[in-house]
N, C-alpha and C. Protein backbone atom coordinates (compact mmCIF):
# COMPACT_ATOMS: atom_id res chain seq x y z
N MET A 1 1.01 -0.97 0.71
CA MET A 1 -0.55 -0.12 0.11
C MET A 1 0.91 1.20 -0.12
N ASP A 2 0.82 1.72 -0.91
CA ASP A 2 1.53 3.24 -1.22
C ASP A 2 1.19 4.28 -0.35
N SER A 3 -0.36 4.47 -0.40
CA SER A 3 -0.71 5.87 0.32
C SER A 3 -2.19 4.88 1.38
N PHE A 4 -2.55 5.92 1.57
CA PHE A 4 -4.23 5.50 2.76
C PHE A 4 -5.30 6.37 2.63
N ASP A 5 -6.07 6.46 2.22
CA ASP A 5 -7.42 6.76 1.70
C ASP A 5 -8.06 7.75 2.78
N CYS A 6 -7.56 8.67 3.16
CA CYS A 6 -8.33 9.29 4.58
C CYS A 6 -10.18 9.42 4.46
N ALA A 7 -10.43 9.68 2.96
CA ALA A 7 -11.79 9.87 2.66
C ALA A 7 -12.56 8.54 3.60
N THR A 8 -11.88 7.37 3.57
CA THR A 8 -12.67 6.24 4.34
C THR A 8 -12.65 6.59 5.89
N ILE A 9 -12.21 7.69 6.38
CA ILE A 9 -12.21 7.83 7.84
C ILE A 9 -13.60 8.95 7.92
N GLY A 10 -13.18 10.75 6.82
CA GLY A 10 -13.49 11.41 6.70
C GLY A 10 -14.20 12.52 7.40
N TYR A 11 -12.87 12.17 8.59
CA TYR A 11 -13.34 13.38 9.91
C TYR A 11 -12.05 13.48 10.63
N ASP A 12 -11.98 14.29 11.48
CA ASP A 12 -10.48 14.33 12.56
C ASP A 12 -11.03 13.25 13.33
N PRO A 13 -9.68 12.03 13.44
CA PRO A 13 -9.69 11.05 13.91
C PRO A 13 -9.67 11.51 15.79
N THR A 14 -8.88 12.23 16.21
CA THR A 14 -8.92 12.54 17.17
C THR A 14 -9.85 12.61 18.19
N GLY A 15 -9.58 11.80 19.12
CA GLY A 15 -10.45 11.52 20.33
C GLY A 15 -11.42 10.23 19.66
N LYS A 16 -11.35 9.86 19.01
CA LYS A 16 -12.48 8.72 18.12
C LYS A 16 -11.77 7.26 18.56
N THR A 17 -12.67 6.46 18.66
CA THR A 17 -12.06 5.38 18.31
C THR A 17 -12.28 4.54 17.45
N LEU A 18 -10.96 3.99 16.78
CA LEU A 18 -10.96 3.48 15.78
C LEU A 18 -10.18 2.10 15.90
N ALA A 19 -10.49 1.04 15.18
CA ALA A 19 -9.86 0.18 15.03
C ALA A 19 -8.40 -0.28 14.68
N THR A 20 -7.50 -0.97 15.33
CA THR A 20 -5.83 -0.91 15.65
C THR A 20 -5.60 -1.42 13.78
N HIS A 21 -6.65 -2.63 13.83
CA HIS A 21 -5.78 -3.77 12.56
C HIS A 21 -6.70 -3.62 11.32
N THR A 22 -7.08 -2.67 11.45
CA THR A 22 -7.79 -1.91 10.02
C THR A 22 -6.65 -1.53 9.21
N GLY A 23 -5.48 -1.16 9.63
CA GLY A 23 -4.25 -0.67 8.53
C GLY A 23 -4.79 0.95 8.33
N ILE A 24 -5.39 1.20 9.66
CA ILE A 24 -5.76 2.88 10.00
C ILE A 24 -4.29 3.15 10.61
N PRO A 25 -3.53 4.07 10.03
CA PRO A 25 -2.47 4.22 10.85
C PRO A 25 -2.48 4.80 12.19
N GLN A 26 -1.75 4.72 13.02
CA GLN A 26 -2.06 4.96 14.88
C GLN A 26 -1.31 6.77 14.95
N PRO A 27 -1.68 6.97 15.89
CA PRO A 27 -0.61 8.42 15.85
C PRO A 27 0.45 7.93 16.94
N ALA A 28 1.43 8.98 16.21
CA ALA A 28 2.48 9.21 16.96
C ALA A 28 2.52 9.62 18.40
N GLN A 29 1.62 10.64 18.92
CA GLN A 29 1.80 11.53 19.58
C GLN A 29 0.48 11.93 20.33
N GLN A 30 0.45 12.19 22.18
CA GLN A 30 -0.97 11.90 22.74
C GLN A 30 -1.89 13.14 22.23
N ALA A 31 -1.41 14.09 21.49
CA ALA A 31 -2.16 15.20 21.47
C ALA A 31 -2.07 15.53 19.81
N VAL A 32 -2.88 16.15 19.61
CA VAL A 32 -3.24 17.22 17.82
C VAL A 32 -3.10 18.86 18.71
N ILE A 33 -2.35 19.13 17.94
CA ILE A 33 -2.46 20.82 17.71
C ILE A 33 -3.39 21.28 17.04
N PRO A 34 -4.47 22.37 17.17
CA PRO A 34 -5.91 22.33 16.22
C PRO A 34 -4.50 23.61 14.99
N SER A 35 -3.58 23.95 15.60
CA SER A 35 -3.34 25.35 14.45
C SER A 35 -2.67 24.77 13.63
N VAL A 36 -1.47 23.66 13.79
CA VAL A 36 -0.98 22.66 13.16
C VAL A 36 -1.62 22.21 12.06
N VAL A 37 -2.86 21.42 12.48
CA VAL A 37 -3.85 20.90 11.69
C VAL A 37 -4.07 21.52 10.63
N GLU A 38 -4.73 22.87 11.15
CA GLU A 38 -5.31 24.19 10.08
C GLU A 38 -3.82 24.65 8.79
N GLU A 39 -3.61 24.23 9.34
CA GLU A 39 -1.63 24.81 8.49
C GLU A 39 -1.44 23.80 7.37
N LYS A 40 -2.00 22.66 8.08
CA LYS A 40 -1.60 21.58 6.68
C LYS A 40 -2.89 21.12 6.24
N ARG A 41 -4.20 21.65 6.61
CA ARG A 41 -4.64 22.14 5.74
C ARG A 41 -5.30 22.83 5.03
N ALA A 42 -4.48 24.05 4.48
CA ALA A 42 -4.14 25.08 4.03
C ALA A 42 -3.66 24.72 3.07
N GLN A 43 -2.51 24.02 3.15
CA GLN A 43 -1.53 23.35 2.23
C GLN A 43 -1.96 22.58 1.32
N ILE A 44 -2.93 21.56 1.70
CA ILE A 44 -4.03 20.74 0.96
C ILE A 44 -5.00 21.13 -0.04
N GLN A 45 -5.60 22.19 0.79
CA GLN A 45 -6.37 22.90 0.00
C GLN A 45 -6.05 23.84 -1.08
N GLY A 46 -4.62 24.17 -0.81
CA GLY A 46 -3.52 24.71 -1.97
C GLY A 46 -3.13 23.73 -2.98
N GLY A 47 -3.51 22.32 -3.30
CA GLY A 47 -2.95 21.44 -4.00
C GLY A 47 -2.08 20.56 -3.47
N ALA A 48 -1.15 20.86 -2.35
CA ALA A 48 0.08 19.75 -1.75
C ALA A 48 -0.89 18.42 -1.75
N GLU A 49 0.36 17.30 -2.13
CA GLU A 49 -0.20 16.29 -1.58
C GLU A 49 0.96 15.70 -0.55
N LEU A 50 0.66 15.44 0.65
CA LEU A 50 1.44 15.37 1.57
C LEU A 50 1.59 14.09 1.80
N SER A 51 2.90 13.45 2.80
CA SER A 51 3.19 12.44 2.85
C SER A 51 3.37 12.37 4.29
N ILE A 52 3.22 10.91 5.48
CA ILE A 52 3.97 10.50 6.39
C ILE A 52 4.40 9.48 6.08
N ASN A 53 5.34 9.42 7.44
CA ASN A 53 6.29 7.88 7.66
C ASN A 53 5.92 7.49 8.67
N VAL A 54 5.78 5.99 7.92
CA VAL A 54 5.00 5.22 9.03
C VAL A 54 5.79 3.62 8.73
N TRP A 55 5.17 3.02 9.60
CA TRP A 55 5.97 1.47 9.92
C TRP A 55 5.14 0.37 10.28
N LYS A 56 4.89 -0.62 10.18
CA LYS A 56 4.30 -1.86 10.15
C LYS A 56 5.11 -2.73 11.03
N ASP A 57 4.60 -3.01 12.95
CA ASP A 57 5.41 -3.72 13.62
C ASP A 57 4.61 -5.41 13.25
N SER A 58 5.40 -6.04 14.41
CA SER A 58 5.25 -7.19 14.03
C SER A 58 3.27 -8.11 14.15
N MET A 59 2.73 -7.04 14.54
CA MET A 59 0.99 -7.85 14.96
C MET A 59 0.21 -7.19 13.57
N GLY A 60 1.15 -6.34 12.89
CA GLY A 60 0.37 -5.83 11.40
C GLY A 60 -0.04 -4.58 11.45
N ILE A 61 0.06 -3.52 12.77
CA ILE A 61 -0.38 -2.34 13.05
C ILE A 61 0.60 -1.69 12.56
N VAL A 62 0.02 -0.36 12.21
CA VAL A 62 0.74 0.53 11.25
C VAL A 62 0.45 1.41 12.18
N TYR A 63 1.93 1.91 12.38
CA TYR A 63 2.08 3.61 13.36
C TYR A 63 2.65 4.83 12.94
N ILE A 64 2.39 5.68 12.76
CA ILE A 64 2.76 6.94 12.43
C ILE A 64 4.32 7.05 12.80
N LEU A 65 5.24 7.06 12.02
CA LEU A 65 6.48 7.85 12.83
C LEU A 65 6.62 9.38 12.72
N ASP A 66 6.01 10.09 11.82
CA ASP A 66 6.19 11.55 11.49
C ASP A 66 5.07 12.08 10.43
N GLY A 67 4.50 12.81 11.26
CA GLY A 67 3.41 13.31 9.77
C GLY A 67 1.75 12.92 10.82
N GLN A 68 1.95 13.24 11.54
CA GLN A 68 0.53 12.77 12.60
C GLN A 68 -0.77 14.10 11.84
N HIS A 69 -0.18 14.95 12.45
CA HIS A 69 -0.89 16.73 12.11
C HIS A 69 -1.51 16.51 10.37
N ARG A 70 -0.58 16.27 9.35
CA ARG A 70 -0.74 15.78 7.87
C ARG A 70 -2.09 14.84 7.90
N PHE A 71 -1.89 13.51 8.69
CA PHE A 71 -2.87 13.10 8.76
C PHE A 71 -4.17 13.67 8.86
N VAL A 72 -4.39 13.90 10.17
CA VAL A 72 -5.34 14.62 10.82
C VAL A 72 -6.06 15.47 9.66
N ALA A 73 -5.26 16.02 9.28
CA ALA A 73 -6.11 17.66 8.22
C ALA A 73 -6.16 16.26 6.84
N SER A 74 -5.31 15.65 6.34
CA SER A 74 -6.15 14.40 4.89
C SER A 74 -7.41 13.84 5.53
N CYS A 75 -7.67 13.66 6.73
CA CYS A 75 -8.64 12.67 7.15
C CYS A 75 -9.99 13.81 7.05
N ILE A 76 -9.93 15.21 7.53
CA ILE A 76 -10.85 16.00 7.49
C ILE A 76 -10.95 16.44 6.47
N GLU A 77 -10.08 16.60 5.25
CA GLU A 77 -10.24 16.93 3.77
C GLU A 77 -10.29 15.95 2.98
N LYS A 78 -10.60 14.86 3.32
CA LYS A 78 -11.14 13.37 3.01
C LYS A 78 -10.27 13.58 1.69
N LYS A 79 -8.80 13.31 2.13
CA LYS A 79 -7.70 13.19 1.00
C LYS A 79 -6.85 12.01 0.98
N LYS A 80 -6.23 11.64 0.12
CA LYS A 80 -4.71 10.47 0.10
C LYS A 80 -3.92 11.07 0.70
N ILE A 81 -3.26 10.46 1.44
CA ILE A 81 -1.97 10.27 2.04
C ILE A 81 -0.92 9.28 1.35
N LYS A 82 0.18 9.75 1.16
CA LYS A 82 1.22 8.85 0.42
C LYS A 82 2.02 8.59 2.11
N LEU A 83 2.30 7.20 2.08
CA LEU A 83 3.05 6.38 2.68
C LEU A 83 4.09 6.23 2.42
N ASN A 84 5.24 6.73 3.24
CA ASN A 84 6.54 6.42 3.34
C ASN A 84 7.27 5.42 4.25
N TRP A 85 6.89 3.69 3.73
CA TRP A 85 7.36 2.53 4.52
C TRP A 85 8.26 2.62 5.05
N LYS A 86 8.94 2.78 6.58
CA LYS A 86 10.36 2.79 7.08
C LYS A 86 10.83 1.49 7.56
N LYS A 87 11.51 0.33 7.37
CA LYS A 87 11.53 -0.64 8.08
C LYS A 87 11.51 -1.02 9.20
N VAL A 88 12.17 -0.19 10.27
CA VAL A 88 12.10 -0.38 11.50
C VAL A 88 11.30 1.26 12.39
N GLY A 89 11.20 1.14 13.46
CA GLY A 89 10.24 2.10 14.37
C GLY A 89 9.74 1.98 15.72
N PHE A 90 9.06 2.64 16.35
CA PHE A 90 8.45 2.42 17.61
C PHE A 90 6.67 2.65 17.52
N PRO A 91 6.47 1.56 18.53
CA PRO A 91 4.91 2.03 18.59
C PRO A 91 5.17 3.47 19.61
N GLY A 92 4.63 4.22 18.78
CA GLY A 92 4.66 5.93 19.52
C GLY A 92 3.27 5.83 20.45
N PHE A 93 2.39 6.23 20.56
CA PHE A 93 1.56 6.29 21.58
C PHE A 93 0.58 5.22 21.53
N ARG A 94 0.73 4.19 21.90
CA ARG A 94 0.06 2.62 22.43
C ARG A 94 -1.43 3.12 22.23
N ASN A 95 -2.13 3.93 23.21
CA ASN A 95 -3.60 3.79 23.25
C ASN A 95 -4.18 4.26 21.91
N GLY A 96 -3.73 4.85 21.09
CA GLY A 96 -4.58 5.17 19.70
C GLY A 96 -5.40 6.46 19.67
N TRP A 97 -5.88 6.49 18.56
CA TRP A 97 -7.03 7.93 18.27
C TRP A 97 -7.94 8.20 19.43
N GLY A 98 -9.12 7.24 20.40
CA GLY A 98 -9.66 7.13 21.34
C GLY A 98 -8.93 8.03 22.39
N ALA A 99 -7.50 7.88 22.69
CA ALA A 99 -6.83 8.62 23.85
C ALA A 99 -6.20 9.80 23.64
N THR A 100 -6.43 10.36 22.20
CA THR A 100 -5.41 11.30 21.53
C THR A 100 -6.20 12.63 21.86
N ARG A 101 -6.12 13.87 22.24
CA ARG A 101 -6.71 15.33 22.20
C ARG A 101 -5.98 16.00 21.76
N HIS A 102 -7.19 17.14 21.36
CA HIS A 102 -6.78 18.06 21.31
C HIS A 102 -5.71 19.41 22.10
N GLU A 103 -5.04 19.61 21.84
CA GLU A 103 -4.23 20.57 22.70
C GLU A 103 -3.59 22.35 22.22
N GLN A 104 -4.20 22.85 23.14
CA GLN A 104 -3.94 24.49 22.50
C GLN A 104 -2.71 24.72 23.25
N VAL A 105 -1.24 24.62 22.53
CA VAL A 105 0.08 24.93 22.60
C VAL A 105 0.70 25.60 21.87
N VAL A 106 1.82 26.43 21.88
CA VAL A 106 2.50 26.52 21.01
C VAL A 106 3.41 25.81 20.24
N PRO A 107 3.20 25.14 18.76
CA PRO A 107 4.24 24.28 18.47
C PRO A 107 5.45 24.24 18.23
N ALA A 108 6.30 23.29 18.71
CA ALA A 108 7.68 23.26 19.00
C ALA A 108 8.51 23.59 18.03
N LYS A 109 7.86 23.60 16.56
CA LYS A 109 8.74 24.33 15.62
C LYS A 109 8.82 26.05 15.87
N GLU A 110 7.91 26.38 16.37
CA GLU A 110 7.35 27.86 17.21
C GLU A 110 8.15 28.43 18.24
N ARG A 111 8.19 27.58 19.05
CA ARG A 111 9.30 27.75 19.94
C ARG A 111 10.55 28.14 19.91
N LEU A 112 10.97 26.91 18.78
CA LEU A 112 12.87 26.83 18.37
C LEU A 112 12.94 28.23 17.44
N LYS A 113 12.46 28.72 17.00
CA LYS A 113 12.31 30.13 16.39
C LYS A 113 12.35 31.29 17.28
N ARG A 114 11.48 31.22 18.14
CA ARG A 114 11.73 32.06 19.51
C ARG A 114 13.02 32.34 19.85
N LYS A 115 14.13 30.86 19.66
CA LYS A 115 14.61 31.28 20.76
C LYS A 115 16.12 31.87 19.95
C-alpha cells in the first residue's frame, strides 16, 4: 500500500475510537495541535500532496513515525496521503486515536524559532 485514503475516515480521528488492525495509521503522539492541523489543511486546499512516515509492527499495526498533523488534516479534507514505509520504528502513542486530544499549545517548531 503506497497511500492511505483518508476519505475512508472522513473526519478528525482525534478522540475517536478506530480499530487498530484495519491498516489505519495509529498516532505517534498523545496530542494534536489544532493550529498545526489548520496549517496542513491550507496546504492541502492549495493543492499540496502530503505524505507521512510509517512502519508496521509484528502484529500488523501501522504506526505514524512523522506526520500525525498531516494525517489528521488529510482525514478532515477526505484526501489520500502517501505512505513512506520505514523498515524500523517504534509504537509511538500506544493508546490509539481514542485517547488523543486537542491541545492548544505553541508548536515546538515555533518555540524553537523564538530562541
